Amino acid sequence: MNVVIIDLDLQFGDVASGLDLDPEHTVTDAVSRAAAQDSLVLKAFLTLHPAGIYALCAPRDPVEADHITPEQVARLVRQLADQFEYVIVDTAPGLGECTLSALEECTDGVWVTGMDVPGVRGLRSSLDVLGRLGLLPETRHLVINMADAKADLSVRDVEATVGVPVDVSVPRSRWVSYSTNRGVPVLQSSRRDKATTALGYVVDRFTPDGTAKARRRLHRRVVVS
């Protein structure tokens, strides 16, 4: 599996916790001069997950985030893109300089929102800003997380506010919470419900066939059930 995930929530990232990892090295090491000059050194700073994916976890001390520059982040993403087929960047909330720098290097953007008014409006504002900055990735995927058919907002309401179609809706699931608390990816477990099926749809969008469909903007209508 040729996949690496970068935890770019440099102050409070939880990739290590979510994957039950105890990394020896973090992003702080990966942006060092030695790693920037030698990709073999960089790969030595990655943490291997039992599933076969690599992770570059956030610094242990939030203070270290102040010493990581947008230029270092951009170089890091490019280096890893030269070595891995898929580079997943888990960004911090908001549009900080490091996030914007990573977006300049990305081919796809996965936008995740809940079915609450502040979250949906915040996403709309973020997309508007990125559009004005010319930083919206060519291919975009909109995912509703913890979708609830009994919520005050509907999928149509979300689409009308954000201005783009919803691609995948992930319903509430106790198995997702259970999996996160255990540090085991839910798609690796034997548990199957509507949420795991929906998460599988998200993954499928990045297969060669799924990517082609996304680029042609063939969106399936999503119904929360």
C-alpha atoms as a PDB file:
ATOM      1  CA  MET A   1       0.000   0.000   0.000  1.00  0.00           C
ATOM      2  CA  ASN A   2       1.678   3.182  -1.211  1.00  0.00           C
ATOM      3  CA  VAL A   3       0.042   5.661   1.174  1.00  0.00           C
ATOM      4  CA  VAL A   4       1.344   8.230   3.645  1.00  0.00           C
ATOM      5  CA  ILE A   5      -0.668  10.558   5.868  1.00  0.00           C
ATOM      6  CA  ILE A   6       0.707  13.857   7.176  1.00  0.00           C
ATOM      7  CA  ASP A   7      -0.811  15.318  10.330  1.00  0.00           C
ATOM      8  CA  LEU A   8      -0.715  19.027   9.535  1.00  0.00           C
ATOM      9  CA  ASP A   9      -2.683  20.010  12.612  1.00  0.00           C
ATOM     10  CA  LEU A  10       0.696  20.912  14.037  1.00  0.00           C
ATOM     11  CA  GLN A  11      -0.500  21.968  17.476  1.00  0.00           C
ATOM     12  CA  PHE A  12      -3.247  19.500  18.315  1.00  0.00           C
ATOM     13  CA  GLY A  13      -3.103  16.777  15.685  1.00  0.00           C
ATOM     14  CA  ASP A  14      -4.581  13.407  16.598  1.00  0.00           C
ATOM     15  CA  VAL A  15      -3.469  11.107  13.783  1.00  0.00           C
ATOM     16  CA  ALA A  16      -1.144   9.279  16.181  1.00  0.00           C
ATOM     17  CA  SER A  17      -3.992   8.753  18.632  1.00  0.00           C
ATOM     18  CA  GLY A  18      -6.481   7.777  15.937  1.00  0.00           C
ATOM     19  CA  LEU A  19      -4.103   5.144  14.558  1.00  0.00           C
ATOM     20  CA  ASP A  20      -2.798   4.020  17.976  1.00  0.00           C
ATOM     21  CA  LEU A  21       0.768   4.999  17.088  1.00  0.00           C
ATOM     22  CA  ASP A  22       3.643   6.020  19.327  1.00  0.00           C
ATOM     23  CA  PRO A  23       5.877   7.795  16.807  1.00  0.00           C
ATOM     24  CA  GLU A  24       9.573   8.171  17.428  1.00  0.00           C
ATOM     25  CA  HIS A  25       9.728  11.061  14.950  1.00  0.00           C
ATOM     26  CA  THR A  26       7.285  13.792  13.908  1.00  0.00           C
ATOM     27  CA  VAL A  27       6.793  16.551  11.346  1.00  0.00           C
ATOM     28  CA  THR A  28       9.423  18.563  13.205  1.00  0.00           C
ATOM     29  CA  ASP A  29      12.071  16.019  12.205  1.00  0.00           C
ATOM     30  CA  ALA A  30      10.693  15.666   8.682  1.00  0.00           C
ATOM     31  CA  VAL A  31      11.206  19.347   7.849  1.00  0.00           C
ATOM     32  CA  SER A  32      14.783  19.389   9.135  1.00  0.00           C
ATOM     33  CA  ARG A  33      17.612  20.201   6.757  1.00  0.00           C
ATOM     34  CA  ALA A  34      18.823  16.591   6.736  1.00  0.00           C
ATOM     35  CA  ALA A  35      15.400  15.281   5.681  1.00  0.00           C
ATOM     36  CA  ALA A  36      14.926  18.033   3.107  1.00  0.00           C
ATOM     37  CA  GLN A  37      18.195  17.081   1.438  1.00  0.00           C
ATOM     38  CA  ASP A  38      17.809  13.303   1.536  1.00  0.00           C
ATOM     39  CA  SER A  39      14.546  11.436   0.931  1.00  0.00           C
ATOM     40  CA  LEU A  40      15.960   8.322   2.599  1.00  0.00           C
ATOM     41  CA  VAL A  41      16.389  10.314   5.798  1.00  0.00           C
ATOM     42  CA  LEU A  42      12.843  11.608   5.422  1.00  0.00           C
ATOM     43  CA  LYS A  43      11.424   8.107   5.047  1.00  0.00           C
ATOM     44  CA  ALA A  44      13.244   7.046   8.209  1.00  0.00           C
ATOM     45  CA  PHE A  45      11.180   9.641  10.076  1.00  0.00           C
ATOM     46  CA  LEU A  46       7.870   8.048   9.041  1.00  0.00           C
ATOM     47  CA  THR A  47       5.947   5.687  11.310  1.00  0.00           C
ATOM     48  CA  LEU A  48       4.658   2.452   9.792  1.00  0.00           C
ATOM     49  CA  HIS A  49       1.125   1.385  10.706  1.00  0.00           C
ATOM     50  CA  PRO A  50       0.280  -2.352  10.848  1.00  0.00           C
ATOM     51  CA  ALA A  51      -2.054  -1.836   7.878  1.00  0.00           C
ATOM     52  CA  GLY A  52       0.955  -0.956   5.729  1.00  0.00           C
ATOM     53  CA  ILE A  53       0.421   2.804   5.516  1.00  0.00           C
ATOM     54  CA  TYR A  54       2.939   5.369   6.720  1.00  0.00           C
ATOM     55  CA  ALA A  55       2.194   8.282   9.019  1.00  0.00           C
ATOM     56  CA  LEU A  56       4.004  11.514   9.735  1.00  0.00           C
ATOM     57  CA  CYS A  57       2.555  12.618  13.033  1.00  0.00           C
ATOM     58  CA  ALA A  58       2.186  16.077  14.531  1.00  0.00           C
ATOM     59  CA  PRO A  59       4.807  17.428  16.963  1.00  0.00           C
ATOM     60  CA  ARG A  60       4.494  16.255  20.551  1.00  0.00           C
ATOM     61  CA  ASP A  61       4.884  19.811  21.833  1.00  0.00           C
ATOM     62  CA  PRO A  62       2.459  22.360  20.305  1.00  0.00           C
ATOM     63  CA  VAL A  63       5.157  25.024  20.660  1.00  0.00           C
ATOM     64  CA  GLU A  64       7.160  23.301  17.923  1.00  0.00           C
ATOM     65  CA  ALA A  65       4.496  24.318  15.402  1.00  0.00           C
ATOM     66  CA  ASP A  66       5.786  27.898  15.537  1.00  0.00           C
ATOM     67  CA  HIS A  67       9.092  26.765  14.042  1.00  0.00           C
ATOM     68  CA  ILE A  68       7.584  25.031  10.982  1.00  0.00           C
ATOM     69  CA  THR A  69       7.218  27.307   7.964  1.00  0.00           C
ATOM     70  CA  PRO A  70       4.831  27.150   4.985  1.00  0.00           C
ATOM     71  CA  GLU A  71       7.839  26.719   2.696  1.00  0.00           C
ATOM     72  CA  GLN A  72       8.954  23.664   4.650  1.00  0.00           C
ATOM     73  CA  VAL A  73       5.455  22.201   4.447  1.00  0.00           C
ATOM     74  CA  ALA A  74       5.300  22.660   0.669  1.00  0.00           C
ATOM     75  CA  ARG A  75       8.693  21.013   0.217  1.00  0.00           C
ATOM     76  CA  LEU A  76       7.663  18.143   2.491  1.00  0.00           C
ATOM     77  CA  VAL A  77       4.489  17.458   0.500  1.00  0.00           C
ATOM     78  CA  ARG A  78       6.435  17.505  -2.768  1.00  0.00           C
ATOM     79  CA  GLN A  79       9.073  15.141  -1.403  1.00  0.00           C
ATOM     80  CA  LEU A  80       6.510  12.623  -0.237  1.00  0.00           C
ATOM     81  CA  ALA A  81       4.535  12.922  -3.481  1.00  0.00           C
ATOM     82  CA  ASP A  82       7.670  11.800  -5.308  1.00  0.00           C
ATOM     83  CA  GLN A  83       7.792   8.627  -3.195  1.00  0.00           C
ATOM     84  CA  PHE A  84       4.158   7.715  -2.551  1.00  0.00           C
ATOM     85  CA  GLU A  85       1.169   7.227  -4.812  1.00  0.00           C
ATOM     86  CA  TYR A  86      -1.182   8.793  -2.259  1.00  0.00           C
ATOM     87  CA  VAL A  87      -0.256  11.596   0.134  1.00  0.00           C
ATOM     88  CA  ILE A  88      -3.055  12.430   2.566  1.00  0.00           C
ATOM     89  CA  VAL A  89      -2.765  15.751   4.392  1.00  0.00           C
ATOM     90  CA  ASP A  90      -4.935  16.114   7.490  1.00  0.00           C
ATOM     91  CA  THR A  91      -5.065  19.865   8.046  1.00  0.00           C
ATOM     92  CA  ALA A  92      -5.888  21.958  11.080  1.00  0.00           C
ATOM     93  CA  PRO A  93      -9.191  23.863  11.313  1.00  0.00           C
ATOM     94  CA  GLY A  94      -9.128  27.200   9.537  1.00  0.00           C
ATOM     95  CA  LEU A  95      -6.938  28.479   6.740  1.00  0.00           C
ATOM     96  CA  GLY A  96      -3.534  28.970   8.309  1.00  0.00           C
ATOM     97  CA  GLU A  97      -0.433  29.600   6.224  1.00  0.00           C
ATOM     98  CA  CYS A  98       0.750  25.990   6.427  1.00  0.00           C
ATOM     99  CA  THR A  99      -2.661  24.750   5.286  1.00  0.00           C
ATOM    100  CA  LEU A 100      -2.666  27.156   2.341  1.00  0.00           C
ATOM    101  CA  SER A 101       0.841  26.050   1.443  1.00  0.00           C
ATOM    102  CA  ALA A 102      -0.229  22.400   1.419  1.00  0.00           C
ATOM    103  CA  LEU A 103      -3.285  23.212  -0.692  1.00  0.00           C
ATOM    104  CA  GLU A 104      -1.043  24.666  -3.374  1.00  0.00           C
ATOM    105  CA  GLU A 105       0.493  21.205  -3.773  1.00  0.00           C
ATOM    106  CA  CYS A 106      -2.736  19.171  -3.666  1.00  0.00           C
ATOM    107  CA  THR A 107      -4.674  17.624  -6.537  1.00  0.00           C
ATOM    108  CA  ASP A 108      -7.819  16.830  -4.512  1.00  0.00           C
ATOM    109  CA  GLY A 109      -9.647  18.506  -1.668  1.00  0.00           C
ATOM    110  CA  VAL A 110     -11.915  16.581   0.699  1.00  0.00           C
ATOM    111  CA  TRP A 111     -14.201  19.000   2.522  1.00  0.00           C
ATOM    112  CA  VAL A 112     -15.924  17.604   5.604  1.00  0.00           C
ATOM    113  CA  THR A 113     -18.833  19.235   7.396  1.00  0.00           C
ATOM    114  CA  GLY A 114     -21.517  18.288   9.857  1.00  0.00           C
ATOM    115  CA  MET A 115     -25.199  19.130   9.533  1.00  0.00           C
ATOM    116  CA  ASP A 116     -25.025  22.173  11.794  1.00  0.00           C
ATOM    117  CA  VAL A 117     -25.459  25.770  10.661  1.00  0.00           C
ATOM    118  CA  PRO A 118     -22.087  27.111  11.942  1.00  0.00           C
ATOM    119  CA  GLY A 119     -20.167  24.268  10.304  1.00  0.00           C
ATOM    120  CA  VAL A 120     -21.907  24.608   6.947  1.00  0.00           C
ATOM    121  CA  ARG A 121     -21.538  28.388   6.894  1.00  0.00           C
ATOM    122  CA  GLY A 122     -17.893  28.061   7.878  1.00  0.00           C
ATOM    123  CA  LEU A 123     -17.279  25.683   4.988  1.00  0.00           C
ATOM    124  CA  ARG A 124     -18.987  28.064   2.568  1.00  0.00           C
ATOM    125  CA  SER A 125     -16.770  30.923   3.774  1.00  0.00           C
ATOM    126  CA  SER A 126     -13.641  28.783   3.447  1.00  0.00           C
ATOM    127  CA  LEU A 127     -14.511  27.747  -0.104  1.00  0.00           C
ATOM    128  CA  ASP A 128     -15.218  31.369  -1.027  1.00  0.00           C
ATOM    129  CA  VAL A 129     -11.829  32.482   0.318  1.00  0.00           C
ATOM    130  CA  LEU A 130      -9.966  29.663  -1.408  1.00  0.00           C
ATOM    131  CA  GLY A 131     -11.758  30.451  -4.644  1.00  0.00           C
ATOM    132  CA  ARG A 132     -10.655  34.079  -4.482  1.00  0.00           C
ATOM    133  CA  LEU A 133      -7.099  32.983  -3.725  1.00  0.00           C
ATOM    134  CA  GLY A 134      -7.123  30.499  -6.597  1.00  0.00           C
ATOM    135  CA  LEU A 135      -6.330  27.636  -4.225  1.00  0.00           C
ATOM    136  CA  LEU A 136      -9.297  25.327  -4.769  1.00  0.00           C
ATOM    137  CA  PRO A 137      -7.950  21.931  -5.900  1.00  0.00           C
ATOM    138  CA  GLU A 138      -9.017  20.770  -9.343  1.00  0.00           C
ATOM    139  CA  THR A 139     -11.011  17.866  -7.906  1.00  0.00           C
ATOM    140  CA  ARG A 140     -13.219  18.377  -4.880  1.00  0.00           C
ATOM    141  CA  HIS A 141     -15.156  15.938  -2.699  1.00  0.00           C
ATOM    142  CA  LEU A 142     -17.792  17.115  -0.221  1.00  0.00           C
ATOM    143  CA  VAL A 143     -18.516  14.767   2.678  1.00  0.00           C
ATOM    144  CA  ILE A 144     -21.165  15.175   5.368  1.00  0.00           C
ATOM    145  CA  ASN A 145     -20.021  13.582   8.610  1.00  0.00           C
ATOM    146  CA  MET A 146     -22.324  12.300  11.354  1.00  0.00           C
ATOM    147  CA  ALA A 147     -25.330  12.847   9.106  1.00  0.00           C
ATOM    148  CA  ASP A 148     -28.695  12.576  10.791  1.00  0.00           C
ATOM    149  CA  ALA A 149     -32.037  12.332   8.998  1.00  0.00           C
ATOM    150  CA  LYS A 150     -33.655  13.970  12.032  1.00  0.00           C
ATOM    151  CA  ALA A 151     -31.423  17.045  11.912  1.00  0.00           C
ATOM    152  CA  ASP A 152     -32.922  20.457  11.205  1.00  0.00           C
ATOM    153  CA  LEU A 153     -30.848  20.715   8.021  1.00  0.00           C
ATOM    154  CA  SER A 154     -31.221  18.416   5.026  1.00  0.00           C
ATOM    155  CA  VAL A 155     -28.636  17.436   2.434  1.00  0.00           C
ATOM    156  CA  ARG A 156     -30.347  19.831   0.022  1.00  0.00           C
ATOM    157  CA  ASP A 157     -29.961  22.643   2.575  1.00  0.00           C
ATOM    158  CA  VAL A 158     -26.232  21.928   2.846  1.00  0.00           C
ATOM    159  CA  GLU A 159     -25.827  21.882  -0.932  1.00  0.00           C
ATOM    160  CA  ALA A 160     -27.776  25.118  -1.343  1.00  0.00           C
ATOM    161  CA  THR A 161     -25.639  26.899   1.249  1.00  0.00           C
ATOM    162  CA  VAL A 162     -22.245  25.576   0.175  1.00  0.00           C
ATOM    163  CA  GLY A 163     -23.014  25.797  -3.525  1.00  0.00           C
ATOM    164  CA  VAL A 164     -21.644  22.376  -4.503  1.00  0.00           C
ATOM    165  CA  PRO A 165     -23.177  18.878  -4.492  1.00  0.00           C
ATOM    166  CA  VAL A 166     -22.646  16.510  -1.582  1.00  0.00           C
ATOM    167  CA  ASP A 167     -20.703  13.442  -2.716  1.00  0.00           C
ATOM    168  CA  VAL A 168     -20.873  11.168   0.326  1.00  0.00           C
ATOM    169  CA  SER A 169     -22.930  11.254   3.499  1.00  0.00           C
ATOM    170  CA  VAL A 170     -21.577   9.360   6.520  1.00  0.00           C
ATOM    171  CA  PRO A 171     -24.313   8.688   9.099  1.00  0.00           C
ATOM    172  CA  ARG A 172     -23.795   8.609  12.831  1.00  0.00           C
ATOM    173  CA  SER A 173     -22.319   5.337  14.014  1.00  0.00           C
ATOM    174  CA  ARG A 174     -21.288   4.045  17.408  1.00  0.00           C
ATOM    175  CA  TRP A 175     -18.783   1.778  15.676  1.00  0.00           C
ATOM    176  CA  VAL A 176     -16.889   4.761  14.283  1.00  0.00           C
ATOM    177  CA  SER A 177     -16.557   6.257  17.770  1.00  0.00           C
ATOM    178  CA  TYR A 178     -15.592   2.881  19.199  1.00  0.00           C
ATOM    179  CA  SER A 179     -12.974   2.385  16.496  1.00  0.00           C
ATOM    180  CA  THR A 180     -11.515   5.860  17.013  1.00  0.00           C
ATOM    181  CA  ASN A 181     -11.244   5.331  20.762  1.00  0.00           C
ATOM    182  CA  ARG A 182      -9.427   2.042  20.185  1.00  0.00           C
ATOM    183  CA  GLY A 183      -7.077   3.572  17.625  1.00  0.00           C
ATOM    184  CA  VAL A 184      -8.081   1.069  14.942  1.00  0.00           C
ATOM    185  CA  PRO A 185      -9.308   2.304  11.527  1.00  0.00           C
ATOM    186  CA  VAL A 186     -12.968   1.395  11.257  1.00  0.00           C
ATOM    187  CA  LEU A 187     -12.548  -0.044   7.755  1.00  0.00           C
ATOM    188  CA  GLN A 188     -10.054  -2.545   9.177  1.00  0.00           C
ATOM    189  CA  SER A 189     -12.533  -3.892  11.683  1.00  0.00           C
ATOM    190  CA  SER A 190     -15.066  -6.607  11.013  1.00  0.00           C
ATOM    191  CA  ARG A 191     -17.924  -4.282  11.931  1.00  0.00           C
ATOM    192  CA  ARG A 192     -20.088  -3.178   9.031  1.00  0.00           C
ATOM    193  CA  ASP A 193     -22.886  -0.644   9.025  1.00  0.00           C
ATOM    194  CA  LYS A 194     -24.078   2.277   6.893  1.00  0.00           C
ATOM    195  CA  ALA A 195     -21.230   4.490   8.109  1.00  0.00           C
ATOM    196  CA  THR A 196     -18.490   2.037   7.135  1.00  0.00           C
ATOM    197  CA  THR A 197     -20.180   1.560   3.758  1.00  0.00           C
ATOM    198  CA  ALA A 198     -20.201   5.333   3.228  1.00  0.00           C
ATOM    199  CA  LEU A 199     -16.537   5.612   4.223  1.00  0.00           C
ATOM    200  CA  GLY A 200     -15.820   2.925   1.658  1.00  0.00           C
ATOM    201  CA  TYR A 201     -17.452   5.171  -0.949  1.00  0.00           C
ATOM    202  CA  VAL A 202     -15.037   7.959   0.023  1.00  0.00           C
ATOM    203  CA  VAL A 203     -12.079   5.631  -0.520  1.00  0.00           C
ATOM    204  CA  ASP A 204     -13.516   4.432  -3.838  1.00  0.00           C
ATOM    205  CA  ARG A 205     -13.480   7.990  -5.157  1.00  0.00           C
ATOM    206  CA  PHE A 206      -9.689   7.790  -5.231  1.00  0.00           C
ATOM    207  CA  THR A 207      -9.439   4.607  -7.255  1.00  0.00           C
ATOM    208  CA  PRO A 208      -8.582   5.189 -10.939  1.00  0.00           C
ATOM    209  CA  ASP A 209     -12.220   4.728 -11.982  1.00  0.00           C
ATOM    210  CA  GLY A 210     -13.532   6.818  -9.098  1.00  0.00           C
ATOM    211  CA  THR A 211     -11.083   9.619  -9.829  1.00  0.00           C
ATOM    212  CA  ALA A 212     -12.168   9.742 -13.454  1.00  0.00           C
ATOM    213  CA  LYS A 213     -15.802  10.021 -12.438  1.00  0.00           C
ATOM    214  CA  ALA A 214     -15.026  12.759  -9.928  1.00  0.00           C
ATOM    215  CA  ARG A 215     -13.142  14.748 -12.546  1.00  0.00           C
ATOM    216  CA  ARG A 216     -16.156  14.502 -14.859  1.00  0.00           C
ATOM    217  CA  ARG A 217     -18.226  15.802 -11.922  1.00  0.00           C
ATOM    218  CA  LEU A 218     -20.727  12.971 -12.022  1.00  0.00           C
ATOM    219  CA  HIS A 219     -22.358  13.431  -8.626  1.00  0.00           C
ATOM    220  CA  ARG A 220     -24.757  10.954  -7.075  1.00  0.00           C
ATOM    221  CA  ARG A 221     -27.644  12.386  -5.130  1.00  0.00           C
ATOM    222  CA  VAL A 222     -27.161  11.630  -1.452  1.00  0.00           C
ATOM    223  CA  VAL A 223     -30.047  10.838   0.847  1.00  0.00           C
ATOM    224  CA  VAL A 224     -29.561  10.671   4.606  1.00  0.00           C
ATOM    225  CA  SER A 225     -31.198   7.567   5.987  1.00  0.00           C
END
